[in-house]
PDB file of N, CA and C in Angstrom:
ATOM      1  N   MET A   1     -59.229  -6.831 -12.772  1.00  0.00           N
ATOM      2  CA  MET A   1     -58.629  -6.844 -11.763  1.00  0.00           C
ATOM      3  C   MET A   1     -57.274  -7.917 -11.698  1.00  0.00           C
ATOM      4  N   ALA A   2     -56.229  -7.068 -11.435  1.00  0.00           N
ATOM      5  CA  ALA A   2     -54.905  -8.026 -11.647  1.00  0.00           C
ATOM      6  C   ALA A   2     -55.013  -9.209 -10.548  1.00  0.00           C
ATOM      7  N   SER A   3     -54.009 -10.018 -11.148  1.00  0.00           N
ATOM      8  CA  SER A   3     -53.771 -11.171 -10.056  1.00  0.00           C
ATOM      9  C   SER A   3     -53.148 -10.784  -8.794  1.00  0.00           C
ATOM     10  N   GLY A   4     -53.572 -11.236  -7.568  1.00  0.00           N
ATOM     11  CA  GLY A   4     -53.111 -10.844  -6.451  1.00  0.00           C
ATOM     12  C   GLY A   4     -53.729  -9.559  -5.831  1.00  0.00           C
ATOM     13  N   GLU A   5     -54.624  -9.032  -6.639  1.00  0.00           N
ATOM     14  CA  GLU A   5     -55.497  -7.957  -6.017  1.00  0.00           C
ATOM     15  C   GLU A   5     -56.833  -8.394  -5.454  1.00  0.00           C
ATOM     16  N   ILE A   6     -57.163  -7.857  -4.204  1.00  0.00           N
ATOM     17  CA  ILE A   6     -58.541  -8.182  -3.827  1.00  0.00           C
ATOM     18  C   ILE A   6     -59.079  -6.962  -3.414  1.00  0.00           C
ATOM     19  N   HIS A   7     -60.509  -6.772  -3.523  1.00  0.00           N
ATOM     20  CA  HIS A   7     -61.189  -5.439  -3.077  1.00  0.00           C
ATOM     21  C   HIS A   7     -61.080  -5.473  -1.727  1.00  0.00           C
ATOM     22  N   LEU A   8     -60.610  -4.553  -0.962  1.00  0.00           N
ATOM     23  CA  LEU A   8     -60.878  -4.824   0.604  1.00  0.00           C
ATOM     24  C   LEU A   8     -62.123  -4.584   1.036  1.00  0.00           C
ATOM     25  N   GLU A   9     -63.026  -3.860   0.370  1.00  0.00           N
ATOM     26  CA  GLU A   9     -64.254  -3.650   0.938  1.00  0.00           C
ATOM     27  C   GLU A   9     -65.160  -4.893   0.900  1.00  0.00           C
ATOM     28  N   LEU A  10     -64.608  -5.971   0.091  1.00  0.00           N
ATOM     29  CA  LEU A  10     -65.177  -7.238   0.123  1.00  0.00           C
ATOM     30  C   LEU A  10     -64.994  -8.090   1.241  1.00  0.00           C
ATOM     31  N   LEU A  11     -63.756  -7.991   1.918  1.00  0.00           N
ATOM     32  CA  LEU A  11     -63.253  -8.599   2.998  1.00  0.00           C
ATOM     33  C   LEU A  11     -63.833  -8.182   4.212  1.00  0.00           C
ATOM     34  N   LEU A  12     -64.078  -6.915   4.438  1.00  0.00           N
ATOM     35  CA  LEU A  12     -64.736  -6.545   5.745  1.00  0.00           C
ATOM     36  C   LEU A  12     -65.863  -7.125   6.123  1.00  0.00           C
ATOM     37  N   SER A  13     -65.838  -7.463   7.463  1.00  0.00           N
ATOM     38  CA  SER A  13     -66.905  -8.471   8.168  1.00  0.00           C
ATOM     39  C   SER A  13     -66.995  -9.731   7.824  1.00  0.00           C
ATOM     40  N   LYS A  14     -66.146 -10.183   6.955  1.00  0.00           N
ATOM     41  CA  LYS A  14     -66.104 -11.808   6.536  1.00  0.00           C
ATOM     42  C   LYS A  14     -65.616 -12.440   7.803  1.00  0.00           C
ATOM     43  N   PRO A  15     -66.152 -13.525   8.124  1.00  0.00           N
ATOM     44  CA  PRO A  15     -65.675 -14.162   9.317  1.00  0.00           C
ATOM     45  C   PRO A  15     -64.508 -15.168   9.077  1.00  0.00           C
ATOM     46  N   VAL A  16     -63.439 -15.366   9.798  1.00  0.00           N
ATOM     47  CA  VAL A  16     -62.318 -16.012   9.532  1.00  0.00           C
ATOM     48  C   VAL A  16     -62.317 -17.143  10.473  1.00  0.00           C
ATOM     49  N   LEU A  17     -61.827 -18.147   9.811  1.00  0.00           N
ATOM     50  CA  LEU A  17     -61.568 -19.540  10.530  1.00  0.00           C
ATOM     51  C   LEU A  17     -60.305 -19.908  10.744  1.00  0.00           C
ATOM     52  N   ASP A  18     -59.605 -20.586  11.830  1.00  0.00           N
ATOM     53  CA  ASP A  18     -58.324 -20.909  11.975  1.00  0.00           C
ATOM     54  C   ASP A  18     -58.131 -22.302  11.369  1.00  0.00           C
ATOM     55  N   LEU A  19     -57.055 -22.861  11.258  1.00  0.00           N
ATOM     56  CA  LEU A  19     -56.548 -24.269  10.818  1.00  0.00           C
ATOM     57  C   LEU A  19     -57.534 -25.224  11.306  1.00  0.00           C
ATOM     58  N   GLU A  20     -58.128 -25.085  12.499  1.00  0.00           N
ATOM     59  CA  GLU A  20     -58.957 -26.411  13.186  1.00  0.00           C
ATOM     60  C   GLU A  20     -60.591 -26.069  12.897  1.00  0.00           C
ATOM     61  N   GLY A  21     -60.730 -24.974  11.871  1.00  0.00           N
ATOM     62  CA  GLY A  21     -62.132 -24.664  11.487  1.00  0.00           C
ATOM     63  C   GLY A  21     -62.846 -23.951  12.496  1.00  0.00           C
ATOM     64  N   LYS A  22     -62.147 -23.329  13.638  1.00  0.00           N
ATOM     65  CA  LYS A  22     -62.934 -22.617  14.593  1.00  0.00           C
ATOM     66  C   LYS A  22     -62.875 -21.149  14.331  1.00  0.00           C
ATOM     67  N   GLU A  23     -64.090 -20.507  14.262  1.00  0.00           N
ATOM     68  CA  GLU A  23     -64.110 -19.099  13.951  1.00  0.00           C
ATOM     69  C   GLU A  23     -63.410 -18.126  14.877  1.00  0.00           C
ATOM     70  N   VAL A  24     -62.571 -17.309  14.377  1.00  0.00           N
ATOM     71  CA  VAL A  24     -61.666 -16.314  15.374  1.00  0.00           C
ATOM     72  C   VAL A  24     -62.233 -15.116  15.442  1.00  0.00           C
ATOM     73  N   GLY A  25     -62.977 -14.806  14.419  1.00  0.00           N
ATOM     74  CA  GLY A  25     -63.733 -13.250  14.343  1.00  0.00           C
ATOM     75  C   GLY A  25     -63.954 -12.931  12.983  1.00  0.00           C
ATOM     76  N   ARG A  26     -64.248 -11.573  12.856  1.00  0.00           N
ATOM     77  CA  ARG A  26     -64.353 -11.101  11.446  1.00  0.00           C
ATOM     78  C   ARG A  26     -63.306 -10.077  11.252  1.00  0.00           C
ATOM     79  N   ILE A  27     -62.928  -9.937   9.821  1.00  0.00           N
ATOM     80  CA  ILE A  27     -62.160  -8.826   9.550  1.00  0.00           C
ATOM     81  C   ILE A  27     -62.803  -7.592   9.743  1.00  0.00           C
ATOM     82  N   GLU A  28     -62.293  -6.672  10.393  1.00  0.00           N
ATOM     83  CA  GLU A  28     -62.686  -5.034  10.511  1.00  0.00           C
ATOM     84  C   GLU A  28     -61.985  -4.105  10.075  1.00  0.00           C
ATOM     85  N   GLU A  29     -60.763  -4.421  10.054  1.00  0.00           N
ATOM     86  CA  GLU A  29     -59.757  -3.307   9.463  1.00  0.00           C
ATOM     87  C   GLU A  29     -58.601  -3.864   8.965  1.00  0.00           C
ATOM     88  N   VAL A  30     -57.796  -3.137   7.964  1.00  0.00           N
ATOM     89  CA  VAL A  30     -56.644  -3.550   7.263  1.00  0.00           C
ATOM     90  C   VAL A  30     -55.702  -2.454   7.409  1.00  0.00           C
ATOM     91  N   ARG A  31     -54.556  -2.831   7.802  1.00  0.00           N
ATOM     92  CA  ARG A  31     -53.523  -1.790   7.971  1.00  0.00           C
ATOM     93  C   ARG A  31     -52.473  -2.020   6.729  1.00  0.00           C
ATOM     94  N   ALA A  32     -52.243  -0.919   5.946  1.00  0.00           N
ATOM     95  CA  ALA A  32     -51.559  -1.141   5.013  1.00  0.00           C
ATOM     96  C   ALA A  32     -50.304   0.133   4.818  1.00  0.00           C
ATOM     97  N   GLN A  33     -49.321  -0.161   4.022  1.00  0.00           N
ATOM     98  CA  GLN A  33     -48.195   1.023   3.876  1.00  0.00           C
ATOM     99  C   GLN A  33     -48.037   1.339   2.464  1.00  0.00           C
ATOM    100  N   LYS A  34     -47.816   2.475   2.233  1.00  0.00           N
ATOM    101  CA  LYS A  34     -47.652   2.847   0.772  1.00  0.00           C
ATOM    102  C   LYS A  34     -46.286   2.434   0.580  1.00  0.00           C
ATOM    103  N   GLN A  35     -46.205   1.719  -0.661  1.00  0.00           N
ATOM    104  CA  GLN A  35     -44.708   1.743  -1.332  1.00  0.00           C
ATOM    105  C   GLN A  35     -44.694   2.111  -2.589  1.00  0.00           C
ATOM    106  N   GLY A  36     -44.233   3.241  -3.002  1.00  0.00           N
ATOM    107  CA  GLY A  36     -44.113   3.739  -4.450  1.00  0.00           C
ATOM    108  C   GLY A  36     -45.613   4.137  -4.720  1.00  0.00           C
ATOM    109  N   ASN A  37     -46.182   3.664  -5.631  1.00  0.00           N
ATOM    110  CA  ASN A  37     -47.573   3.902  -6.116  1.00  0.00           C
ATOM    111  C   ASN A  37     -48.457   3.022  -5.678  1.00  0.00           C
ATOM    112  N   GLU A  38     -48.182   2.062  -4.784  1.00  0.00           N
ATOM    113  CA  GLU A  38     -48.947   0.758  -4.225  1.00  0.00           C
ATOM    114  C   GLU A  38     -49.111   0.828  -2.775  1.00  0.00           C
ATOM    115  N   TRP A  39     -50.200   0.330  -2.126  1.00  0.00           N
ATOM    116  CA  TRP A  39     -50.374   0.165  -0.852  1.00  0.00           C
ATOM    117  C   TRP A  39     -50.249  -1.458  -0.758  1.00  0.00           C
ATOM    118  N   ILE A  40     -49.478  -1.711   0.266  1.00  0.00           N
ATOM    119  CA  ILE A  40     -49.092  -3.009   0.728  1.00  0.00           C
ATOM    120  C   ILE A  40     -49.770  -3.392   1.915  1.00  0.00           C
ATOM    121  N   VAL A  41     -50.764  -4.536   2.119  1.00  0.00           N
ATOM    122  CA  VAL A  41     -51.223  -4.904   3.302  1.00  0.00           C
ATOM    123  C   VAL A  41     -50.224  -5.402   4.389  1.00  0.00           C
ATOM    124  N   GLN A  42     -50.248  -4.829   5.440  1.00  0.00           N
ATOM    125  CA  GLN A  42     -49.200  -5.116   6.665  1.00  0.00           C
ATOM    126  C   GLN A  42     -49.834  -6.343   7.525  1.00  0.00           C
ATOM    127  N   GLU A  43     -50.954  -5.819   7.735  1.00  0.00           N
ATOM    128  CA  GLU A  43     -51.815  -6.870   8.773  1.00  0.00           C
ATOM    129  C   GLU A  43     -53.353  -6.514   8.650  1.00  0.00           C
ATOM    130  N   TYR A  44     -54.130  -7.454   9.202  1.00  0.00           N
ATOM    131  CA  TYR A  44     -55.460  -7.573   9.251  1.00  0.00           C
ATOM    132  C   TYR A  44     -55.788  -7.377  10.936  1.00  0.00           C
ATOM    133  N   LEU A  45     -56.970  -6.719  11.223  1.00  0.00           N
ATOM    134  CA  LEU A  45     -57.265  -6.960  12.431  1.00  0.00           C
ATOM    135  C   LEU A  45     -58.753  -7.349  12.512  1.00  0.00           C
ATOM    136  N   ILE A  46     -58.612  -8.316  13.587  1.00  0.00           N
ATOM    137  CA  ILE A  46     -60.074  -9.356  13.430  1.00  0.00           C
ATOM    138  C   ILE A  46     -60.435  -9.095  14.921  1.00  0.00           C
ATOM    139  N   GLY A  47     -61.828  -9.223  14.962  1.00  0.00           N
ATOM    140  CA  GLY A  47     -62.553  -9.185  16.373  1.00  0.00           C
ATOM    141  C   GLY A  47     -63.288  -8.060  16.769  1.00  0.00           C
ATOM    142  N   SER A  48     -63.896  -8.128  17.817  1.00  0.00           N
ATOM    143  CA  SER A  48     -64.852  -7.117  18.268  1.00  0.00           C
ATOM    144  C   SER A  48     -63.884  -5.625  18.635  1.00  0.00           C
ATOM    145  N   ALA A  49     -62.747  -5.582  19.149  1.00  0.00           N
ATOM    146  CA  ALA A  49     -61.943  -4.472  19.186  1.00  0.00           C
ATOM    147  C   ALA A  49     -61.678  -3.972  17.945  1.00  0.00           C
ATOM    148  N   ALA A  50     -61.569  -4.567  16.893  1.00  0.00           N
ATOM    149  CA  ALA A  50     -61.143  -4.015  15.602  1.00  0.00           C
ATOM    150  C   ALA A  50     -62.245  -3.221  15.056  1.00  0.00           C
ATOM    151  N   ILE A  51     -63.395  -3.340  15.521  1.00  0.00           N
ATOM    152  CA  ILE A  51     -64.205  -2.422  14.806  1.00  0.00           C
ATOM    153  C   ILE A  51     -64.240  -1.026  15.442  1.00  0.00           C
ATOM    154  N   LEU A  52     -63.767  -1.080  16.530  1.00  0.00           N
ATOM    155  CA  LEU A  52     -63.597   0.506  17.037  1.00  0.00           C
ATOM    156  C   LEU A  52     -62.342   0.908  16.482  1.00  0.00           C
ATOM    157  N   GLU A  53     -61.270   0.079  16.205  1.00  0.00           N
ATOM    158  CA  GLU A  53     -60.077   0.644  15.372  1.00  0.00           C
ATOM    159  C   GLU A  53     -60.784   1.083  13.972  1.00  0.00           C
ATOM    160  N   ARG A  54     -61.527   0.618  13.249  1.00  0.00           N
ATOM    161  CA  ARG A  54     -61.840   1.028  12.359  1.00  0.00           C
ATOM    162  C   ARG A  54     -62.827   2.225  12.206  1.00  0.00           C
ATOM    163  N   LEU A  55     -63.342   2.370  12.959  1.00  0.00           N
ATOM    164  CA  LEU A  55     -64.025   3.615  13.254  1.00  0.00           C
ATOM    165  C   LEU A  55     -63.357   4.686  13.946  1.00  0.00           C
ATOM    166  N   SER A  56     -62.218   4.616  14.301  1.00  0.00           N
ATOM    167  CA  SER A  56     -61.310   5.326  14.945  1.00  0.00           C
ATOM    168  C   SER A  56     -62.096   5.901  16.328  1.00  0.00           C
ATOM    169  N   ALA A  57     -62.658   5.126  16.987  1.00  0.00           N
ATOM    170  CA  ALA A  57     -63.463   5.409  18.067  1.00  0.00           C
ATOM    171  C   ALA A  57     -63.226   4.603  19.421  1.00  0.00           C
ATOM    172  N   TRP A  58     -61.941   4.478  19.631  1.00  0.00           N
ATOM    173  CA  TRP A  58     -61.559   3.883  21.197  1.00  0.00           C
ATOM    174  C   TRP A  58     -62.109   4.784  22.226  1.00  0.00           C
ATOM    175  N   THR A  59     -61.700   5.964  22.144  1.00  0.00           N
ATOM    176  CA  THR A  59     -62.115   6.596  23.420  1.00  0.00           C
ATOM    177  C   THR A  59     -63.567   6.939  23.547  1.00  0.00           C
ATOM    178  N   ILE A  60     -64.328   7.090  22.674  1.00  0.00           N
ATOM    179  CA  ILE A  60     -65.708   7.245  22.970  1.00  0.00           C
ATOM    180  C   ILE A  60     -66.626   5.956  22.907  1.00  0.00           C
ATOM    181  N   GLY A  61     -66.028   5.126  22.122  1.00  0.00           N
ATOM    182  CA  GLY A  61     -66.450   3.722  21.958  1.00  0.00           C
ATOM    183  C   GLY A  61     -66.312   3.115  23.345  1.00  0.00           C
ATOM    184  N   LEU A  62     -65.117   2.979  24.013  1.00  0.00           N
ATOM    185  CA  LEU A  62     -65.042   2.494  25.448  1.00  0.00           C
ATOM    186  C   LEU A  62     -65.843   3.032  26.630  1.00  0.00           C
ATOM    187  N   LYS A  63     -66.068   4.353  26.216  1.00  0.00           N
ATOM    188  CA  LYS A  63     -66.986   5.238  27.307  1.00  0.00           C
ATOM    189  C   LYS A  63     -68.363   4.562  27.101  1.00  0.00           C
ATOM    190  N   ILE A  64     -68.758   4.303  25.889  1.00  0.00           N
ATOM    191  CA  ILE A  64     -70.096   3.830  25.764  1.00  0.00           C
ATOM    192  C   ILE A  64     -70.536   2.390  26.090  1.00  0.00           C
ATOM    193  N   LEU A  65     -69.273   1.542  26.034  1.00  0.00           N
ATOM    194  CA  LEU A  65     -69.401   0.203  26.090  1.00  0.00           C
ATOM    195  C   LEU A  65     -69.372   0.093  27.724  1.00  0.00           C
ATOM    196  N   HIS A  66     -68.391   0.899  28.312  1.00  0.00           N
ATOM    197  CA  HIS A  66     -68.606   0.916  29.851  1.00  0.00           C
ATOM    198  C   HIS A  66     -69.975   1.305  30.563  1.00  0.00           C
ATOM    199  N   LEU A  67     -70.463   2.501  30.023  1.00  0.00           N
ATOM    200  CA  LEU A  67     -71.913   2.623  30.360  1.00  0.00           C
ATOM    201  C   LEU A  67     -72.863   1.597  30.232  1.00  0.00           C
ATOM    202  N   LEU A  68     -72.596   0.815  29.058  1.00  0.00           N
ATOM    203  CA  LEU A  68     -73.649  -0.382  28.973  1.00  0.00           C
ATOM    204  C   LEU A  68     -73.321  -1.561  29.666  1.00  0.00           C
ATOM    205  N   GLY A  69     -72.349  -1.432  30.391  1.00  0.00           N
ATOM    206  CA  GLY A  69     -71.893  -2.682  31.253  1.00  0.00           C
ATOM    207  C   GLY A  69     -70.950  -3.653  30.918  1.00  0.00           C
ATOM    208  N   ALA A  70     -70.318  -3.218  29.585  1.00  0.00           N
ATOM    209  CA  ALA A  70     -69.177  -4.010  29.250  1.00  0.00           C
ATOM    210  C   ALA A  70     -67.927  -3.671  30.059  1.00  0.00           C
ATOM    211  N   ARG A  71     -67.255  -4.519  30.528  1.00  0.00           N
ATOM    212  CA  ARG A  71     -66.076  -4.521  31.370  1.00  0.00           C
ATOM    213  C   ARG A  71     -64.716  -4.912  30.603  1.00  0.00           C
ATOM    214  N   GLN A  72     -64.623  -6.144  30.646  1.00  0.00           N
ATOM    215  CA  GLN A  72     -63.475  -6.878  29.958  1.00  0.00           C
ATOM    216  C   GLN A  72     -63.864  -7.764  28.673  1.00  0.00           C
ATOM    217  N   GLY A  73     -62.752  -8.332  28.249  1.00  0.00           N
ATOM    218  CA  GLY A  73     -62.980  -9.282  27.349  1.00  0.00           C
ATOM    219  C   GLY A  73     -63.215  -8.888  25.821  1.00  0.00           C
ATOM    220  N   MET A  74     -63.386  -7.522  25.757  1.00  0.00           N
ATOM    221  CA  MET A  74     -63.456  -7.278  24.313  1.00  0.00           C
ATOM    222  C   MET A  74     -62.099  -7.065  23.757  1.00  0.00           C
ATOM    223  N   GLY A  75     -61.695  -8.019  22.661  1.00  0.00           N
ATOM    224  CA  GLY A  75     -60.409  -7.933  21.983  1.00  0.00           C
ATOM    225  C   GLY A  75     -60.450  -8.246  20.723  1.00  0.00           C
ATOM    226  N   GLY A  76     -59.227  -8.353  20.103  1.00  0.00           N
ATOM    227  CA  GLY A  76     -59.151  -8.647  18.704  1.00  0.00           C
ATOM    228  C   GLY A  76     -57.840  -9.279  18.745  1.00  0.00           C
ATOM    229  N   TYR A  77     -57.512  -9.618  17.523  1.00  0.00           N
ATOM    230  CA  TYR A  77     -56.328 -10.366  17.001  1.00  0.00           C
ATOM    231  C   TYR A  77     -55.696  -9.513  15.780  1.00  0.00           C
ATOM    232  N   ARG A  78     -54.534  -9.431  15.917  1.00  0.00           N
ATOM    233  CA  ARG A  78     -53.628  -8.898  14.560  1.00  0.00           C
ATOM    234  C   ARG A  78     -53.109  -9.895  13.890  1.00  0.00           C
ATOM    235  N   VAL A  79     -53.480  -9.994  12.868  1.00  0.00           N
ATOM    236  CA  VAL A  79     -53.014 -11.087  11.817  1.00  0.00           C
ATOM    237  C   VAL A  79     -51.988 -10.583  10.594  1.00  0.00           C
ATOM    238  N   PRO A  80     -50.793 -11.048  10.643  1.00  0.00           N
ATOM    239  CA  PRO A  80     -50.010 -10.527   9.831  1.00  0.00           C
ATOM    240  C   PRO A  80     -50.239 -11.002   8.516  1.00  0.00           C
ATOM    241  N   TRP A  81     -50.005  -9.973   7.235  1.00  0.00           N
ATOM    242  CA  TRP A  81     -50.671 -10.511   5.929  1.00  0.00           C
ATOM    243  C   TRP A  81     -50.429 -11.883   5.463  1.00  0.00           C
ATOM    244  N   ASP A  82     -49.260 -12.388   6.002  1.00  0.00           N
ATOM    245  CA  ASP A  82     -49.003 -13.825   5.344  1.00  0.00           C
ATOM    246  C   ASP A  82     -49.481 -14.927   6.046  1.00  0.00           C
ATOM    247  N   LYS A  83     -50.310 -14.552   7.242  1.00  0.00           N
ATOM    248  CA  LYS A  83     -50.885 -15.356   8.045  1.00  0.00           C
ATOM    249  C   LYS A  83     -52.364 -15.785   7.676  1.00  0.00           C
ATOM    250  N   LEU A  84     -52.759 -14.898   6.647  1.00  0.00           N
ATOM    251  CA  LEU A  84     -54.468 -15.187   6.091  1.00  0.00           C
ATOM    252  C   LEU A  84     -54.406 -15.477   4.641  1.00  0.00           C
ATOM    253  N   ASP A  85     -54.969 -16.694   4.701  1.00  0.00           N
ATOM    254  CA  ASP A  85     -55.114 -17.224   3.341  1.00  0.00           C
ATOM    255  C   ASP A  85     -56.498 -16.708   2.757  1.00  0.00           C
ATOM    256  N   LEU A  86     -56.149 -15.992   1.598  1.00  0.00           N
ATOM    257  CA  LEU A  86     -57.419 -15.451   0.855  1.00  0.00           C
ATOM    258  C   LEU A  86     -57.675 -16.000  -0.725  1.00  0.00           C
ATOM    259  N   THR A  87     -57.131 -17.286  -0.521  1.00  0.00           N
ATOM    260  CA  THR A  87     -57.241 -18.044  -1.933  1.00  0.00           C
ATOM    261  C   THR A  87     -58.833 -17.919  -2.277  1.00  0.00           C
ATOM    262  N   ASP A  88     -59.681 -18.157  -1.391  1.00  0.00           N
ATOM    263  CA  ASP A  88     -61.098 -17.993  -1.430  1.00  0.00           C
ATOM    264  C   ASP A  88     -61.656 -16.462  -0.712  1.00  0.00           C
ATOM    265  N   PRO A  89     -61.559 -15.322  -1.206  1.00  0.00           N
ATOM    266  CA  PRO A  89     -61.829 -14.198  -0.430  1.00  0.00           C
ATOM    267  C   PRO A  89     -63.280 -14.236   0.273  1.00  0.00           C
ATOM    268  N   GLN A  90     -64.367 -15.015  -0.126  1.00  0.00           N
ATOM    269  CA  GLN A  90     -65.475 -15.325   0.455  1.00  0.00           C
ATOM    270  C   GLN A  90     -65.302 -16.230   1.885  1.00  0.00           C
ATOM    271  N   LYS A  91     -64.216 -16.865   1.904  1.00  0.00           N
ATOM    272  CA  LYS A  91     -63.959 -17.771   3.143  1.00  0.00           C
ATOM    273  C   LYS A  91     -62.418 -17.739   3.426  1.00  0.00           C
ATOM    274  N   PRO A  92     -62.245 -16.439   4.174  1.00  0.00           N
ATOM    275  CA  PRO A  92     -60.915 -16.241   4.550  1.00  0.00           C
ATOM    276  C   PRO A  92     -60.418 -17.278   5.760  1.00  0.00           C
ATOM    277  N   ARG A  93     -59.131 -17.680   5.614  1.00  0.00           N
ATOM    278  CA  ARG A  93     -58.739 -18.805   6.764  1.00  0.00           C
ATOM    279  C   ARG A  93     -57.395 -18.286   7.219  1.00  0.00           C
ATOM    280  N   LEU A  94     -57.109 -18.491   8.528  1.00  0.00           N
ATOM    281  CA  LEU A  94     -55.659 -18.442   9.018  1.00  0.00           C
ATOM    282  C   LEU A  94     -54.780 -19.454   8.488  1.00  0.00           C
ATOM    283  N   ARG A  95     -53.497 -19.241   8.481  1.00  0.00           N
ATOM    284  CA  ARG A  95     -52.705 -20.347   8.109  1.00  0.00           C
ATOM    285  C   ARG A  95     -51.880 -20.693   9.346  1.00  0.00           C
ATOM    286  N   CYS A  96     -52.713 -20.406  10.449  1.00  0.00           N
ATOM    287  CA  CYS A  96     -51.932 -20.677  11.813  1.00  0.00           C
ATOM    288  C   CYS A  96     -53.104 -20.853  12.828  1.00  0.00           C
ATOM    289  N   LEU A  97     -52.953 -21.499  13.980  1.00  0.00           N
ATOM    290  CA  LEU A  97     -53.886 -21.478  15.195  1.00  0.00           C
ATOM    291  C   LEU A  97     -54.056 -20.180  15.930  1.00  0.00           C
ATOM    292  N   LYS A  98     -55.356 -19.926  16.267  1.00  0.00           N
ATOM    293  CA  LYS A  98     -55.685 -18.485  16.816  1.00  0.00           C
ATOM    294  C   LYS A  98     -54.742 -18.177  17.901  1.00  0.00           C
ATOM    295  N   HIS A  99     -54.354 -19.166  18.745  1.00  0.00           N
ATOM    296  CA  HIS A  99     -53.451 -18.833  19.930  1.00  0.00           C
ATOM    297  C   HIS A  99     -52.020 -18.324  19.439  1.00  0.00           C
ATOM    298  N   GLU A 100     -51.647 -18.295  18.174  1.00  0.00           N
ATOM    299  CA  GLU A 100     -50.501 -17.921  17.645  1.00  0.00           C
ATOM    300  C   GLU A 100     -50.381 -16.742  17.250  1.00  0.00           C
ATOM    301  N   LEU A 101     -51.690 -15.951  17.266  1.00  0.00           N
ATOM    302  CA  LEU A 101     -51.662 -14.548  16.907  1.00  0.00           C
ATOM    303  C   LEU A 101     -51.536 -13.688  18.121  1.00  0.00           C
ATOM    304  N   LYS A 102     -50.931 -12.475  17.830  1.00  0.00           N
ATOM    305  CA  LYS A 102     -50.867 -11.515  18.619  1.00  0.00           C
ATOM    306  C   LYS A 102     -52.105 -10.775  18.888  1.00  0.00           C
ATOM    307  N   THR A 103     -52.568 -10.308  20.117  1.00  0.00           N
ATOM    308  CA  THR A 103     -53.947  -9.788  20.532  1.00  0.00           C
ATOM    309  C   THR A 103     -53.806  -8.293  20.637  1.00  0.00           C
ATOM    310  N   PHE A 104     -55.068  -7.841  20.610  1.00  0.00           N
ATOM    311  CA  PHE A 104     -55.009  -6.280  21.193  1.00  0.00           C
ATOM    312  C   PHE A 104     -56.347  -6.022  21.890  1.00  0.00           C
ATOM    313  N   SER A 105     -56.420  -5.038  22.595  1.00  0.00           N
ATOM    314  CA  SER A 105     -57.831  -4.815  23.257  1.00  0.00           C
ATOM    315  C   SER A 105     -57.981  -3.224  23.345  1.00  0.00           C
ATOM    316  N   PRO A 106     -59.251  -2.794  23.423  1.00  0.00           N
ATOM    317  CA  PRO A 106     -59.338  -1.305  23.596  1.00  0.00           C
ATOM    318  C   PRO A 106     -58.542  -0.750  24.865  1.00  0.00           C
ATOM    319  N   GLU A 107     -58.299  -1.451  25.776  1.00  0.00           N
ATOM    320  CA  GLU A 107     -57.525  -1.008  26.962  1.00  0.00           C
ATOM    321  C   GLU A 107     -56.068  -0.720  26.602  1.00  0.00           C
ATOM    322  N   GLN A 108     -55.536  -1.736  25.725  1.00  0.00           N
ATOM    323  CA  GLN A 108     -53.973  -1.442  25.307  1.00  0.00           C
ATOM    324  C   GLN A 108     -54.116  -0.074  24.361  1.00  0.00           C
ATOM    325  N   GLN A 109     -55.021  -0.064  23.497  1.00  0.00           N
ATOM    326  CA  GLN A 109     -54.936   0.912  22.375  1.00  0.00           C
ATOM    327  C   GLN A 109     -55.374   2.444  23.200  1.00  0.00           C
ATOM    328  N   GLU A 110     -56.000   2.195  24.309  1.00  0.00           N
ATOM    329  CA  GLU A 110     -56.161   3.478  25.123  1.00  0.00           C
ATOM    330  C   GLU A 110     -54.848   4.031  25.731  1.00  0.00           C
ATOM    331  N   VAL A 111     -54.055   3.146  26.189  1.00  0.00           N
ATOM    332  CA  VAL A 111     -52.738   3.474  26.914  1.00  0.00           C
ATOM    333  C   VAL A 111     -51.747   3.963  25.725  1.00  0.00           C
ATOM    334  N   ILE A 112     -52.046   3.429  24.504  1.00  0.00           N
ATOM    335  CA  ILE A 112     -51.167   4.008  23.298  1.00  0.00           C
ATOM    336  C   ILE A 112     -51.553   5.371  23.002  1.00  0.00           C
ATOM    337  N   ILE A 113     -52.903   5.651  23.056  1.00  0.00           N
ATOM    338  CA  ILE A 113     -53.486   6.868  22.550  1.00  0.00           C
ATOM    339  C   ILE A 113     -53.172   7.884  23.823  1.00  0.00           C
ATOM    340  N   ASN A 114     -53.302   7.768  24.950  1.00  0.00           N
ATOM    341  CA  ASN A 114     -53.008   8.541  26.151  1.00  0.00           C
ATOM    342  C   ASN A 114     -51.410   8.708  26.406  1.00  0.00           C
ATOM    343  N   GLY A 115     -50.625   7.865  25.749  1.00  0.00           N
ATOM    344  CA  GLY A 115     -49.121   7.933  25.916  1.00  0.00           C
ATOM    345  C   GLY A 115     -48.576   7.377  27.154  1.00  0.00           C
ATOM    346  N   LYS A 116     -49.641   6.696  27.745  1.00  0.00           N
ATOM    347  CA  LYS A 116     -49.104   6.276  29.350  1.00  0.00           C
ATOM    348  C   LYS A 116     -48.245   4.917  29.151  1.00  0.00           C
TER     349      LYS A 116
END
């Protein structure tokens, strides 16, 4: 494996800590863009809502969660590639505080999917 390369499957479900050592969530999805022959990571999705993104299950996932009684509070964080320290891939850490990250939620994604 060349320097700067990490097997993404080894990052999935790893807990991420912020600068204060507080857990932010788990890496559930990675968004990348193809540039030439390589895929370049753009951002990581962390948190409970990110698992639905990974499974592409927003619509059905939301309906099931609502049936089970979940209402609000399920969300996640969008972490730009340069805000995640992967020096030790077994213990990924943010290079910022949690409140500095952009958030996303199933409700926001549902609006995007439905075009509202």
